[in-house]
Structures are given as C-alpha cells and as structure tokens.
Amino acid sequence: MNRKRNNNRMKPWVGWLLFFVTMGVVFLLGMLAASVTQRRAEIASVMNNKKVEITGIESRNELFAVNYPREYETWAKTADTTFQSEFNGSSVRDVLEQRPEMVILWAGYAFSKDYGTPRGHMHAVEDVRHTLRTGAPMTPEEGPQPATCWTCKSPDVPRLMDSVGIAEFYNKTWAHWGQEIVNPIGCADCHDAATMDLKVSRPGLIEGYEAMGLNIREATHQEMRSLACAQCHVEYYFTPEGKYLIFPWHNGITMEGAEQYYDSIRFTDYTHALSKAPILKAQHPDYEIFKTGIHAQRGVSCADCHMPYISEGGIKYSSHHVRSPLASINNTCQVCHRETEEDLRNSVYERQRSANQIRNLAEQELATAHLEAQFAWERGATETQMKEALQLIRQSQWRWDYAVASHGGAFHSPVEYQRILSLSLDRAHKARFEISKVLAALGFTGDVPLPDISTKEKAQAYIGLDMQKERADKQNFLQTVVPRWLETAKANKRLASLN
C-alpha cells in the first residue's frame, strides 16, 4: 500500500518543470502585454503630438509628411520603377507590342491605340494624362472621355465629389476637371484625415455593397485592409446617361454575375469595328478574382502582402510602398511560408507560366474569330446568320478580358483565373464553328484569308489607326493644355509642389 502511495506522488523534478514552464508563460504574456501597451502608446503619441492639424478631405499628400514621415517616405517610393520580375514589374511595358492580337481584340476602342503595364501610385495622374487613350475622342460617336475616367487616379476626386456632388462630378468631360486633378493617389484616398482610420472615399464601392444587400460600414478592420484597395481595383462601368460609375455586383462579385447583370440591362461598351460584336470591356477585377483565391479564404488582406509591416527601432508601421510582394519576399511571403525565397518566387512563376499558355491560345483564337466574322460580313452575311457567332464572341472576349485585366490574377486565384480563360477559349472555338457554318451557307468552304498582324504596327494599320496623327495630337495636348492645368492648380494652391 505504501509503495503504491509513493508511486502516485509527483516527483520533485516534475514540479520544478511545471514551475519554470509557468514562469516562462507568464514572462511571455508579460512581454506581449508590454508590446501591446507600447504600440498603443506609440500610436497615441503620434496622434497626440501631430505637428499639423489636418481635417476634411485634404488631397495634398505632402501635408501628411510632417505627421507621418515613415508612411510618407515609403509612399513616395511608389515612384520607383526599377523592380522587374519574369512577368512585368514596376516600369511600363508595351503590352500591344508584346501581344499584337490585342489590337484586333480592341478594334474600335481606345485600348487598341495604347495599352501598357501600370506603374506605381505616384504616377497615376501622369500616366492617365500621357496615354493615347485620353485627350481626344475615343470614337466620333462617343465623344470625349467622361470625367469618370479620373475616379481612381487622385484624392482630388473625393474632394471634388464632396464639393460639387457625385453625379455632377461624373457628368462632365475628362478635360473639364484637368486643372483640378493634380495630386496622385495618396493619403486621403484611404484614410480619414483627422483620425487616420481606414475609410471608403469612393461611392462606387459603397453602392456596390448596397447592391448585394450589404452594409460596408459593418466591415471589420482586416476587411477594410482589402476594401480600401477594392475602391478602385474592381470591375465597373459607366452608365450611358450621366456616366455614373457602377459596380456590377447586383448578382454577386463573380464573372458570371457581372455578365448576367450587363445582359439584363442590355449594356455594351462598344461595337467591334471588324466583327460587329457587342463587346463588354472589363476594367481590372483584381478584388473579385482575389476573393476566390486561397489567401482571401484564409483571411489574408491585400495590405498584408502589398503593404507589409516594417519595424524601425521601437516603431512598427505599414509600408506604403505598394508593389509586388516578390520585391520583398522576406517581409511578405515568408511571414507565413517557410520555403526559401527562390522556391516561393518559382512557385509564383510556375502559376503565371501555366496561365499564360491558356491566355495566349485564347487571344489567338479570339482574334481569328473577329477576323473571320469580318470576312463573313464582307461575303454578304446577314444579322440573323451572325447572331449566334457574335454572342459567342461577346462571351469569349468578356471572359478573356475579365481574366487578363486583373492585376495578379494568375497568382491571386490560379484555379479561377484558368477556369475563366478556358471558358473564353471554348467560346472562341464555338464562335469560329458558327462562322464556318455561315460561310458554308454563303458558298465559301475554304480557309479564310487572314491579314498579317504579327506586329503592333501592322495590326493597328489593319484596323485603320493613323498612329502618327494620334501621337502628334497627344504631343500637342501635352505641350499646350497640361501646362495650363498645372499653373492654374499651383496658383490656387491645390499642389503642395510641382515635384
């Protein structure tokens, strides 16, 4: 009996082990509490010792530098264009030169003139001024670009919306607000000036949530770290009357949901100059595709990867150098993943290479469908005969554009991205089959003669673009109109500086 009682006693070393483990846990909890307290004190110190009081919608980013120097300094680095990866980077690449089929896909639309990869936020206003897509009518029928084209380019936009009204801002021409839109994407786009809380400054996102029966004011802080980006990195369209910006989220945020909405209101961005198909032009549904991927499903936000935290001395803050996570894998991917930088980078590239194989096939097949449709019209096809083929071309191009217009879609959600492109390829095949039946009914059964579109210049000449005139018109615009805009803005103190 005594032996059994002795065996049930706790051995002395076990007691000491529990003591030290308990002490360790208490110590770690104390460190955590101290860290939280310190962070709160740092935030309170920053907020209580602001050197400049900023209220309202302050679009001049430079004014925030005094109170938030670290965030401002990293934001200013978005002007840097040196980062390059296997697929694009932070400098402009001429996509039409790389993939001239896109000129054919956008025949009759301004994107056939000029389409380059985007640069950082600091270049937003500059780039939209310099592109050949602005400063002149998109087509004679459409007239000049609407002011709505400025919506995501500057914190001057919410300032103007607050001043003149949302609908009134939209219902002007792009050139009308040129002297007002001078500060690039910055602080007031995402933050309340007084509290620096994340906020939604664009009405489109609020209204898009309402269209789904949701209230964006109920979003959590972590959700806001993606929704601040979703104000602009989404699909949208302009209403024919008033050019009011609308998110097509009435049936949810899927590709099919947006298409159903557009079909229900009989919306078309433009009629294709060659095939006469009613085309939907996707914008950049980055958020929508991201939401279908594994990172979003695990609660990761856009800011977690594109604006990683930086520790500097005793201060931790979010980098505002918004860029590819591949530019700083140790601060982004390796926060969660334990693989080497090389393995993580190659994993991204493998997904992109795989997606691009389907993308290239879809572009080639769809461009051929447009050209064959043009040939069918020239052979005397009727609208009744071409109806099914044109609908398939519309569906194919919508799917292709929805995928490729998404920045990072091949990585954000590779399964969804390739699913959408596969559906595009399928409908392009079916469109060509329908066109072949029309041609057979017209007595033509041979191979359709196709033009040489092997370069951007050849493709643009084929669709009737006079690029020499386009460039001359843009140069005249930049030399005469833009300087007046900047001088007026500076005189009215809407620019903190011209640098």
Protein backbone atom coordinates (compact mmCIF):
# COMPACT_ATOMS: atom_id res chain seq x y z
CA MET A 1 0.00 0.00 0.00
CA ASN A 2 2.79 2.47 0.90
CA ARG A 3 4.64 1.57 -2.25
CA LYS A 4 1.56 2.40 -4.36
CA ARG A 5 1.09 5.69 -2.48
CA ASN A 6 4.73 6.65 -3.14
CA ASN A 7 4.39 5.88 -6.86
CA ASN A 8 1.44 8.31 -7.09
CA ARG A 9 3.44 11.17 -5.63
CA MET A 10 4.69 13.82 -8.03
CA LYS A 11 8.42 13.57 -8.49
CA PRO A 12 10.32 16.72 -7.45
CA TRP A 13 11.74 17.42 -10.94
CA VAL A 14 8.21 17.43 -12.44
CA GLY A 15 7.19 20.15 -10.01
CA TRP A 16 10.21 22.25 -10.90
CA LEU A 17 9.46 21.75 -14.62
CA LEU A 18 5.89 22.96 -14.17
CA PHE A 19 7.17 25.93 -12.16
CA PHE A 20 9.61 27.03 -14.87
CA VAL A 21 7.07 26.45 -17.67
CA THR A 22 4.54 28.56 -15.78
CA MET A 23 7.12 31.27 -15.23
CA GLY A 24 8.00 31.20 -18.93
CA VAL A 25 4.37 31.54 -19.95
CA VAL A 26 3.87 34.42 -17.50
CA PHE A 27 7.02 36.11 -18.83
CA LEU A 28 5.88 35.78 -22.48
CA LEU A 29 2.42 37.08 -21.63
CA GLY A 30 4.03 40.00 -19.84
CA MET A 31 6.19 40.73 -22.89
CA LEU A 32 3.10 40.57 -25.11
CA ALA A 33 1.18 42.92 -22.84
CA ALA A 34 4.13 45.30 -22.72
CA SER A 35 4.40 45.21 -26.52
CA VAL A 36 0.70 45.95 -26.95
CA THR A 37 0.92 48.76 -24.41
CA GLN A 38 3.99 50.15 -26.15
CA ARG A 39 2.32 50.04 -29.56
CA ARG A 40 -0.75 51.80 -28.18
CA ALA A 41 1.48 54.40 -26.57
CA GLU A 42 3.31 54.94 -29.84
CA ILE A 43 0.04 55.39 -31.73
CA ALA A 44 -1.27 57.72 -29.05
CA SER A 45 1.99 59.67 -29.14
CA VAL A 46 1.77 60.10 -32.89
CA MET A 47 -1.90 61.10 -32.78
CA ASN A 48 -1.48 63.43 -29.78
CA ASN A 49 1.68 65.11 -30.99
CA LYS A 50 0.71 65.88 -34.56
CA LYS A 51 2.55 68.92 -35.82
CA VAL A 52 -0.09 69.81 -38.39
CA GLU A 53 -3.84 69.58 -37.85
CA ILE A 54 -5.44 68.09 -40.94
CA THR A 55 -9.20 67.88 -41.32
CA GLY A 56 -11.72 67.31 -44.08
CA ILE A 57 -10.62 65.92 -47.43
CA GLU A 58 -7.03 67.09 -47.84
CA SER A 59 -5.78 65.96 -51.24
CA ARG A 60 -2.23 67.33 -50.94
CA ASN A 61 -0.23 64.30 -49.90
CA GLU A 62 2.82 66.35 -48.90
CA LEU A 63 0.95 67.85 -45.95
CA PHE A 64 0.73 64.44 -44.31
CA ALA A 65 4.51 64.00 -44.38
CA VAL A 66 5.02 66.15 -41.28
CA ASN A 67 2.81 63.98 -39.07
CA TYR A 68 3.52 60.60 -40.66
CA PRO A 69 7.07 60.75 -42.07
CA ARG A 70 7.68 56.99 -42.28
CA GLU A 71 4.46 56.22 -44.10
CA TYR A 72 5.02 59.18 -46.42
CA GLU A 73 8.60 58.21 -47.22
CA THR A 74 7.57 54.69 -48.18
CA TRP A 75 4.60 56.01 -50.20
CA ALA A 76 6.98 58.25 -52.17
CA LYS A 77 8.88 55.12 -53.20
CA THR A 78 5.96 54.12 -55.42
CA ALA A 79 7.64 56.43 -57.94
CA ASP A 80 10.40 53.82 -58.25
CA THR A 81 10.25 51.79 -61.48
CA THR A 82 13.32 49.58 -61.09
CA PHE A 83 11.69 46.33 -59.90
CA GLN A 84 11.36 43.66 -62.57
CA SER A 85 10.12 40.09 -62.41
CA GLU A 86 9.77 37.41 -65.06
CA PHE A 87 6.37 38.87 -65.85
CA ASN A 88 6.34 42.68 -65.87
CA GLY A 89 7.40 44.82 -62.92
CA SER A 90 7.06 48.46 -61.88
CA SER A 91 8.03 50.03 -65.21
CA VAL A 92 5.80 50.40 -68.26
CA ARG A 93 5.88 47.63 -70.84
CA ASP A 94 4.05 47.98 -74.14
CA VAL A 95 1.57 45.10 -73.99
CA LEU A 96 0.30 45.70 -77.53
CA GLU A 97 3.84 45.27 -78.80
CA GLN A 98 4.23 42.04 -76.87
CA ARG A 99 0.82 40.66 -77.92
CA PRO A 100 -0.42 42.38 -81.12
CA GLU A 101 -3.55 40.20 -81.21
CA MET A 102 -4.90 42.56 -78.55
CA VAL A 103 -5.03 45.36 -81.13
CA ILE A 104 -7.50 43.24 -83.08
CA LEU A 105 -9.48 42.35 -79.96
CA TRP A 106 -9.99 46.04 -79.17
CA ALA A 107 -10.56 47.31 -82.71
CA GLY A 108 -12.90 50.31 -82.45
CA TYR A 109 -11.90 51.05 -78.84
CA ALA A 110 -9.19 53.35 -77.47
CA PHE A 111 -7.22 50.47 -75.93
CA SER A 112 -6.15 49.48 -79.45
CA LYS A 113 -4.08 52.68 -79.54
CA ASP A 114 -2.16 52.26 -76.33
CA TYR A 115 -2.04 49.73 -73.50
CA GLY A 116 0.89 49.47 -71.12
CA THR A 117 1.50 47.76 -67.80
CA PRO A 118 0.79 50.03 -64.81
CA ARG A 119 3.36 51.88 -62.71
CA GLY A 120 3.14 52.84 -59.03
CA HIS A 121 0.58 55.13 -57.39
CA MET A 122 2.83 58.18 -57.66
CA HIS A 123 2.49 58.01 -61.45
CA ALA A 124 -1.30 57.66 -61.60
CA VAL A 125 -2.17 61.19 -62.74
CA GLU A 126 0.85 61.50 -65.00
CA ASP A 127 0.17 58.21 -66.78
CA VAL A 128 -3.51 58.87 -67.43
CA ARG A 129 -2.57 62.23 -68.95
CA HIS A 130 0.09 60.77 -71.23
CA THR A 131 -1.71 57.71 -72.55
CA LEU A 132 -3.03 57.93 -76.11
CA ARG A 133 -6.43 56.89 -74.76
CA THR A 134 -7.10 60.35 -73.27
CA GLY A 135 -7.19 63.91 -74.56
CA ALA A 136 -9.14 63.08 -77.71
CA PRO A 137 -12.47 61.40 -78.56
CA MET A 138 -12.45 57.64 -78.14
CA THR A 139 -14.58 57.42 -81.29
CA PRO A 140 -16.50 60.14 -83.16
CA GLU A 141 -19.76 58.64 -81.90
CA GLU A 142 -18.73 58.51 -78.24
CA GLY A 143 -17.27 61.98 -77.94
CA PRO A 144 -14.61 62.93 -75.38
CA GLN A 145 -13.81 60.81 -72.36
CA PRO A 146 -16.04 61.46 -69.36
CA ALA A 147 -14.75 62.84 -66.08
CA THR A 148 -15.49 59.41 -64.60
CA CYS A 149 -12.15 58.28 -66.06
CA TRP A 150 -10.44 60.31 -63.29
CA THR A 151 -12.26 58.50 -60.48
CA CYS A 152 -9.42 56.30 -59.23
CA LYS A 153 -6.45 58.49 -60.06
CA SER A 154 -6.31 61.09 -57.31
CA PRO A 155 -7.51 62.20 -53.85
CA ASP A 156 -8.68 65.33 -55.64
CA VAL A 157 -11.63 63.22 -56.82
CA PRO A 158 -13.31 62.77 -53.41
CA ARG A 159 -12.54 66.43 -52.72
CA LEU A 160 -14.43 67.44 -55.86
CA MET A 161 -17.25 64.98 -55.24
CA ASP A 162 -17.69 66.50 -51.79
CA SER A 163 -17.66 69.99 -53.29
CA VAL A 164 -19.86 69.68 -56.38
CA GLY A 165 -21.71 66.41 -55.80
CA ILE A 166 -21.06 62.88 -57.05
CA ALA A 167 -23.34 62.95 -60.09
CA GLU A 168 -22.16 66.41 -61.10
CA PHE A 169 -18.54 65.28 -60.98
CA TYR A 170 -19.24 62.30 -63.23
CA ASN A 171 -21.38 64.31 -65.66
CA LYS A 172 -18.50 66.38 -67.03
CA THR A 173 -15.79 65.68 -69.56
CA TRP A 174 -12.37 64.33 -68.63
CA ALA A 175 -10.78 67.62 -69.73
CA HIS A 176 -13.17 69.69 -67.61
CA TRP A 177 -11.52 68.64 -64.33
CA GLY A 178 -7.96 68.54 -65.67
CA GLN A 179 -6.73 71.53 -63.71
CA GLU A 180 -8.27 70.13 -60.52
CA ILE A 181 -6.88 66.58 -60.69
CA VAL A 182 -3.22 67.15 -59.86
CA ASN A 183 -2.28 65.08 -56.79
CA PRO A 184 -1.55 61.36 -57.32
CA ILE A 185 -3.17 58.52 -55.39
CA GLY A 186 -2.33 59.06 -51.75
CA CYS A 187 -3.35 59.56 -48.14
CA ALA A 188 -6.91 60.89 -48.42
CA ASP A 189 -7.90 58.08 -50.80
CA CYS A 190 -7.80 55.57 -47.94
CA HIS A 191 -7.62 57.49 -44.65
CA ASP A 192 -9.74 59.85 -42.62
CA ALA A 193 -7.51 62.92 -42.27
CA ALA A 194 -8.37 63.59 -38.63
CA THR A 195 -8.12 60.04 -37.23
CA MET A 196 -6.19 58.22 -39.99
CA ASP A 197 -8.74 55.41 -39.75
CA LEU A 198 -9.23 53.48 -42.98
CA LYS A 199 -12.22 54.77 -44.91
CA VAL A 200 -14.01 54.36 -48.22
CA SER A 201 -13.74 57.57 -50.21
CA ARG A 202 -15.34 56.36 -53.46
CA PRO A 203 -19.14 55.96 -53.63
CA GLY A 204 -18.96 53.09 -56.14
CA LEU A 205 -17.84 50.59 -53.51
CA ILE A 206 -20.48 51.67 -51.00
CA GLU A 207 -23.18 51.40 -53.66
CA GLY A 208 -21.77 48.06 -54.85
CA TYR A 209 -22.15 46.66 -51.34
CA GLU A 210 -25.67 48.00 -51.17
CA ALA A 211 -26.49 46.29 -54.48
CA MET A 212 -25.61 42.98 -52.76
CA GLY A 213 -27.74 43.87 -49.74
CA LEU A 214 -24.70 44.54 -47.54
CA ASN A 215 -23.55 47.48 -45.44
CA ILE A 216 -19.88 48.31 -45.86
CA ARG A 217 -19.88 50.14 -42.53
CA GLU A 218 -20.09 46.73 -40.86
CA ALA A 219 -16.75 45.64 -42.37
CA THR A 220 -14.01 44.64 -39.93
CA HIS A 221 -10.62 46.36 -39.81
CA GLN A 222 -8.98 43.41 -41.57
CA GLU A 223 -11.63 43.52 -44.29
CA MET A 224 -11.01 47.26 -44.67
CA ARG A 225 -7.35 46.50 -45.41
CA SER A 226 -8.63 44.97 -48.66
CA LEU A 227 -11.69 47.14 -49.23
CA ALA A 228 -9.55 50.29 -49.30
CA CYS A 229 -7.97 48.75 -52.42
CA ALA A 230 -11.31 47.50 -53.73
CA GLN A 231 -12.46 51.08 -54.22
CA CYS A 232 -10.53 51.02 -57.49
CA HIS A 233 -9.15 47.54 -58.22
CA VAL A 234 -12.51 46.20 -59.40
CA GLU A 235 -14.76 45.83 -62.41
CA TYR A 236 -17.12 48.74 -63.09
CA TYR A 237 -18.92 50.53 -65.91
CA PHE A 238 -20.27 53.99 -66.70
CA THR A 239 -23.98 54.47 -67.27
CA PRO A 240 -24.75 55.70 -70.81
CA GLU A 241 -26.51 58.76 -69.40
CA GLY A 242 -24.56 60.83 -66.91
CA LYS A 243 -21.55 58.44 -66.96
CA TYR A 244 -22.25 57.43 -63.36
CA LEU A 245 -19.82 54.78 -62.14
CA ILE A 246 -21.46 51.48 -61.14
CA PHE A 247 -20.06 48.22 -59.76
CA PRO A 248 -21.98 45.32 -61.43
CA TRP A 249 -22.28 43.39 -58.16
CA HIS A 250 -26.05 43.00 -58.21
CA ASN A 251 -25.68 39.22 -58.72
CA GLY A 252 -22.55 38.88 -56.60
CA ILE A 253 -18.90 39.50 -57.39
CA THR A 254 -18.31 36.65 -59.85
CA MET A 255 -17.53 36.95 -63.54
CA GLU A 256 -20.84 35.27 -64.41
CA GLY A 257 -22.75 37.52 -62.02
CA ALA A 258 -21.43 40.66 -63.71
CA GLU A 259 -22.20 39.26 -67.16
CA GLN A 260 -25.76 38.43 -66.13
CA TYR A 261 -26.22 41.97 -64.90
CA TYR A 262 -24.85 43.52 -68.09
CA ASP A 263 -27.03 41.25 -70.23
CA SER A 264 -30.10 42.13 -68.15
CA ILE A 265 -29.66 45.86 -68.87
CA ARG A 266 -28.50 45.24 -72.48
CA PHE A 267 -25.22 47.03 -71.83
CA THR A 268 -22.37 47.16 -74.33
CA ASP A 269 -19.16 49.15 -74.05
CA TYR A 270 -18.61 49.31 -77.82
CA THR A 271 -19.35 47.57 -81.09
CA HIS A 272 -16.31 45.84 -82.51
CA ALA A 273 -15.02 47.57 -85.64
CA LEU A 274 -14.33 44.30 -87.51
CA SER A 275 -16.71 41.61 -86.27
CA LYS A 276 -19.54 43.97 -85.22
CA ALA A 277 -19.85 42.00 -81.97
CA PRO A 278 -21.30 43.89 -78.95
CA ILE A 279 -18.29 43.95 -76.64
CA LEU A 280 -18.01 44.23 -72.86
CA LYS A 281 -14.70 45.84 -71.82
CA ALA A 282 -13.53 44.55 -68.44
CA GLN A 283 -11.65 47.01 -66.26
CA HIS A 284 -9.47 45.38 -63.58
CA PRO A 285 -11.43 42.95 -61.37
CA ASP A 286 -8.47 42.33 -59.07
CA TYR A 287 -10.56 42.23 -55.89
CA GLU A 288 -13.21 39.93 -57.33
CA ILE A 289 -10.69 37.32 -58.51
CA PHE A 290 -8.61 37.69 -55.35
CA LYS A 291 -11.69 36.84 -53.26
CA THR A 292 -11.89 33.41 -54.95
CA GLY A 293 -8.31 32.50 -54.01
CA ILE A 294 -6.79 30.67 -51.07
CA HIS A 295 -5.25 33.77 -49.46
CA ALA A 296 -8.57 35.60 -49.24
CA GLN A 297 -10.24 32.44 -47.97
CA ARG A 298 -7.66 32.30 -45.17
CA GLY A 299 -8.32 35.90 -44.14
CA VAL A 300 -5.24 37.46 -45.74
CA SER A 301 -5.79 41.06 -46.87
CA CYS A 302 -4.32 42.98 -49.80
CA ALA A 303 -2.25 45.08 -47.39
CA ASP A 304 -0.72 42.00 -45.74
CA CYS A 305 1.17 41.23 -48.96
CA HIS A 306 1.38 44.56 -50.79
CA MET A 307 1.95 46.81 -47.74
CA PRO A 308 3.92 44.65 -45.28
CA TYR A 309 4.75 45.80 -41.77
CA ILE A 310 8.18 47.29 -41.08
CA SER A 311 9.85 47.55 -37.65
CA GLU A 312 12.06 50.56 -37.19
CA GLY A 313 13.54 50.95 -33.74
CA GLY A 314 10.60 50.59 -31.39
CA ILE A 315 8.05 51.52 -34.04
CA LYS A 316 6.11 49.17 -36.27
CA TYR A 317 4.25 50.58 -39.24
CA SER A 318 2.79 49.51 -42.56
CA SER A 319 4.93 50.20 -45.61
CA HIS A 320 3.07 52.36 -48.11
CA HIS A 321 5.40 51.34 -50.92
CA VAL A 322 2.57 49.45 -52.61
CA ARG A 323 4.16 46.97 -55.02
CA SER A 324 4.59 43.31 -55.91
CA PRO A 325 5.22 41.06 -52.88
CA LEU A 326 8.01 39.47 -54.92
CA ALA A 327 10.05 42.63 -54.39
CA SER A 328 10.43 41.85 -50.66
CA ILE A 329 9.65 38.18 -50.13
CA ASN A 330 11.23 38.15 -46.67
CA ASN A 331 8.68 40.73 -45.45
CA THR A 332 5.71 39.32 -47.35
CA CYS A 333 5.56 35.64 -48.30
CA GLN A 334 7.96 34.41 -45.60
CA VAL A 335 5.88 35.90 -42.82
CA CYS A 336 3.67 32.82 -43.28
CA HIS A 337 5.62 30.45 -45.56
CA ARG A 338 8.87 28.75 -44.56
CA GLU A 339 10.20 27.94 -48.04
CA THR A 340 13.22 29.74 -49.46
CA GLU A 341 12.83 32.94 -51.46
CA GLU A 342 13.84 31.08 -54.62
CA ASP A 343 11.23 28.36 -54.12
CA LEU A 344 8.48 30.87 -53.38
CA ARG A 345 9.38 33.01 -56.40
CA ASN A 346 9.47 29.99 -58.70
CA SER A 347 6.11 28.84 -57.35
CA VAL A 348 4.59 32.15 -58.44
CA TYR A 349 6.25 31.99 -61.85
CA GLU A 350 5.01 28.44 -62.44
CA ARG A 351 1.43 29.55 -61.91
CA GLN A 352 1.91 32.52 -64.22
CA ARG A 353 3.54 30.45 -66.97
CA SER A 354 0.74 27.89 -66.85
CA ALA A 355 -1.95 30.59 -67.02
CA ASN A 356 -0.22 32.40 -69.88
CA GLN A 357 -0.32 29.28 -72.05
CA ILE A 358 -4.12 29.33 -71.99
CA ARG A 359 -4.19 33.13 -72.27
CA ASN A 360 -2.10 33.12 -75.45
CA LEU A 361 -4.26 30.43 -77.06
CA ALA A 362 -7.44 32.34 -76.17
CA GLU A 363 -6.09 35.59 -77.66
CA GLN A 364 -5.07 33.93 -80.90
CA GLU A 365 -8.34 32.05 -81.28
CA LEU A 366 -10.47 35.08 -80.40
CA ALA A 367 -8.59 37.42 -82.74
CA THR A 368 -9.10 34.89 -85.53
CA ALA A 369 -12.83 34.75 -84.73
CA HIS A 370 -13.09 38.55 -85.13
CA LEU A 371 -11.26 38.43 -88.47
CA GLU A 372 -13.35 35.54 -89.76
CA ALA A 373 -16.53 37.35 -88.71
CA GLN A 374 -15.36 40.40 -90.69
CA PHE A 375 -14.81 38.16 -93.70
CA ALA A 376 -18.32 36.71 -93.31
CA TRP A 377 -19.85 40.21 -93.35
CA GLU A 378 -17.87 41.02 -96.49
CA ARG A 379 -19.24 37.85 -98.12
CA GLY A 380 -22.80 39.06 -97.52
CA ALA A 381 -23.77 37.52 -94.16
CA THR A 382 -26.94 38.79 -92.53
CA GLU A 383 -27.52 39.82 -88.93
CA THR A 384 -29.73 36.77 -88.42
CA GLN A 385 -27.00 34.47 -89.66
CA MET A 386 -24.33 36.11 -87.50
CA LYS A 387 -26.34 36.49 -84.28
CA GLU A 388 -25.14 33.30 -82.56
CA ALA A 389 -21.50 33.79 -83.54
CA LEU A 390 -21.47 37.39 -82.30
CA GLN A 391 -22.96 36.38 -78.97
CA LEU A 392 -20.27 33.74 -78.55
CA ILE A 393 -17.57 36.30 -79.42
CA ARG A 394 -19.03 38.67 -76.81
CA GLN A 395 -18.95 35.92 -74.18
CA SER A 396 -15.44 34.81 -75.14
CA GLN A 397 -13.99 38.31 -75.06
CA TRP A 398 -15.66 39.13 -71.76
CA ARG A 399 -14.07 36.08 -70.15
CA TRP A 400 -10.66 36.72 -71.68
CA ASP A 401 -10.68 40.40 -70.71
CA TYR A 402 -12.00 39.72 -67.21
CA ALA A 403 -9.02 37.46 -66.57
CA VAL A 404 -6.19 39.39 -68.22
CA ALA A 405 -7.36 42.80 -66.95
CA SER A 406 -6.94 41.51 -63.41
CA HIS A 407 -3.59 42.52 -61.95
CA GLY A 408 -2.01 39.42 -60.43
CA GLY A 409 -5.00 37.18 -61.10
CA ALA A 410 -2.82 34.27 -62.19
CA PHE A 411 -1.36 34.19 -58.67
CA HIS A 412 -4.25 35.51 -56.57
CA SER A 413 -6.52 32.71 -57.74
CA PRO A 414 -4.86 30.47 -60.36
CA VAL A 415 -7.73 27.97 -60.49
CA GLU A 416 -10.39 30.63 -61.10
CA TYR A 417 -8.14 32.54 -63.49
CA GLN A 418 -7.53 29.49 -65.68
CA ARG A 419 -11.17 28.42 -65.43
CA ILE A 420 -12.28 31.76 -66.87
CA LEU A 421 -9.67 31.66 -69.65
CA SER A 422 -10.64 28.08 -70.53
CA LEU A 423 -14.26 29.20 -70.91
CA SER A 424 -13.07 32.04 -73.16
CA LEU A 425 -11.16 29.60 -75.36
CA ASP A 426 -14.18 27.29 -75.52
CA ARG A 427 -16.50 30.05 -76.72
CA ALA A 428 -13.96 31.34 -79.24
CA HIS A 429 -13.82 27.82 -80.73
CA LYS A 430 -17.61 27.69 -80.88
CA ALA A 431 -17.80 31.16 -82.46
CA ARG A 432 -15.43 30.11 -85.23
CA PHE A 433 -17.51 26.98 -85.82
CA GLU A 434 -20.67 29.08 -86.14
CA ILE A 435 -18.93 31.44 -88.57
CA SER A 436 -17.78 28.48 -90.68
CA LYS A 437 -21.41 27.37 -90.96
CA VAL A 438 -22.43 30.87 -92.09
CA LEU A 439 -19.66 30.92 -94.67
CA ALA A 440 -20.66 27.48 -95.93
CA ALA A 441 -24.23 28.71 -96.37
CA LEU A 442 -22.79 31.58 -98.41
CA GLY A 443 -20.91 29.14 -100.62
CA PHE A 444 -17.44 29.56 -99.11
CA THR A 445 -15.72 26.45 -97.71
CA GLY A 446 -12.01 27.24 -97.92
CA ASP A 447 -9.62 28.74 -95.40
CA VAL A 448 -10.40 32.35 -94.56
CA PRO A 449 -7.55 34.61 -95.75
CA LEU A 450 -6.10 36.33 -92.68
CA PRO A 451 -4.07 39.55 -92.60
CA ASP A 452 -0.55 39.84 -91.23
CA ILE A 453 -0.95 41.12 -87.66
CA SER A 454 2.40 39.88 -86.39
CA THR A 455 3.37 43.31 -85.01
CA LYS A 456 1.53 46.09 -83.21
CA GLU A 457 2.15 48.45 -86.14
CA LYS A 458 0.73 46.02 -88.70
CA ALA A 459 -2.32 45.29 -86.56
CA GLN A 460 -3.01 49.00 -85.95
CA ALA A 461 -2.67 49.79 -89.65
CA TYR A 462 -5.07 46.95 -90.48
CA ILE A 463 -7.83 48.29 -88.24
CA GLY A 464 -7.39 51.78 -89.72
CA LEU A 465 -5.50 53.66 -87.00
CA ASP A 466 -3.29 56.57 -88.06
CA MET A 467 -0.81 56.32 -85.21
CA GLN A 468 1.34 59.18 -86.47
CA LYS A 469 -1.62 61.50 -86.14
CA GLU A 470 -2.60 60.02 -82.78
CA ARG A 471 0.86 60.68 -81.36
CA ALA A 472 1.02 64.19 -82.83
CA ASP A 473 -2.37 65.06 -81.32
CA LYS A 474 -1.26 63.78 -77.93
CA GLN A 475 2.01 65.71 -78.07
CA ASN A 476 0.13 68.91 -78.85
CA PHE A 477 -2.20 68.23 -75.91
CA LEU A 478 0.72 67.71 -73.54
CA GLN A 479 2.52 70.85 -74.67
CA THR A 480 -0.44 73.22 -74.66
CA VAL A 481 -3.15 72.01 -72.28
CA VAL A 482 -1.33 70.28 -69.41
CA PRO A 483 0.99 73.23 -68.54
CA ARG A 484 -2.08 75.45 -68.18
CA TRP A 485 -3.66 72.89 -65.84
CA LEU A 486 -0.58 72.78 -63.62
CA GLU A 487 -0.16 76.55 -63.48
CA THR A 488 -3.80 77.02 -62.52
CA ALA A 489 -3.53 74.32 -59.85
CA LYS A 490 -0.38 75.86 -58.40
CA ALA A 491 -1.88 79.35 -58.38
CA ASN A 492 -4.88 78.03 -56.48
CA LYS A 493 -2.60 76.08 -54.08
CA ARG A 494 -4.02 72.68 -54.92
CA LEU A 495 -0.45 71.48 -55.41
CA ALA A 496 1.93 71.43 -52.46
CA SER A 497 4.72 71.37 -55.03
CA LEU A 498 5.28 70.56 -58.69
CA ASN A 499 7.79 67.83 -57.85
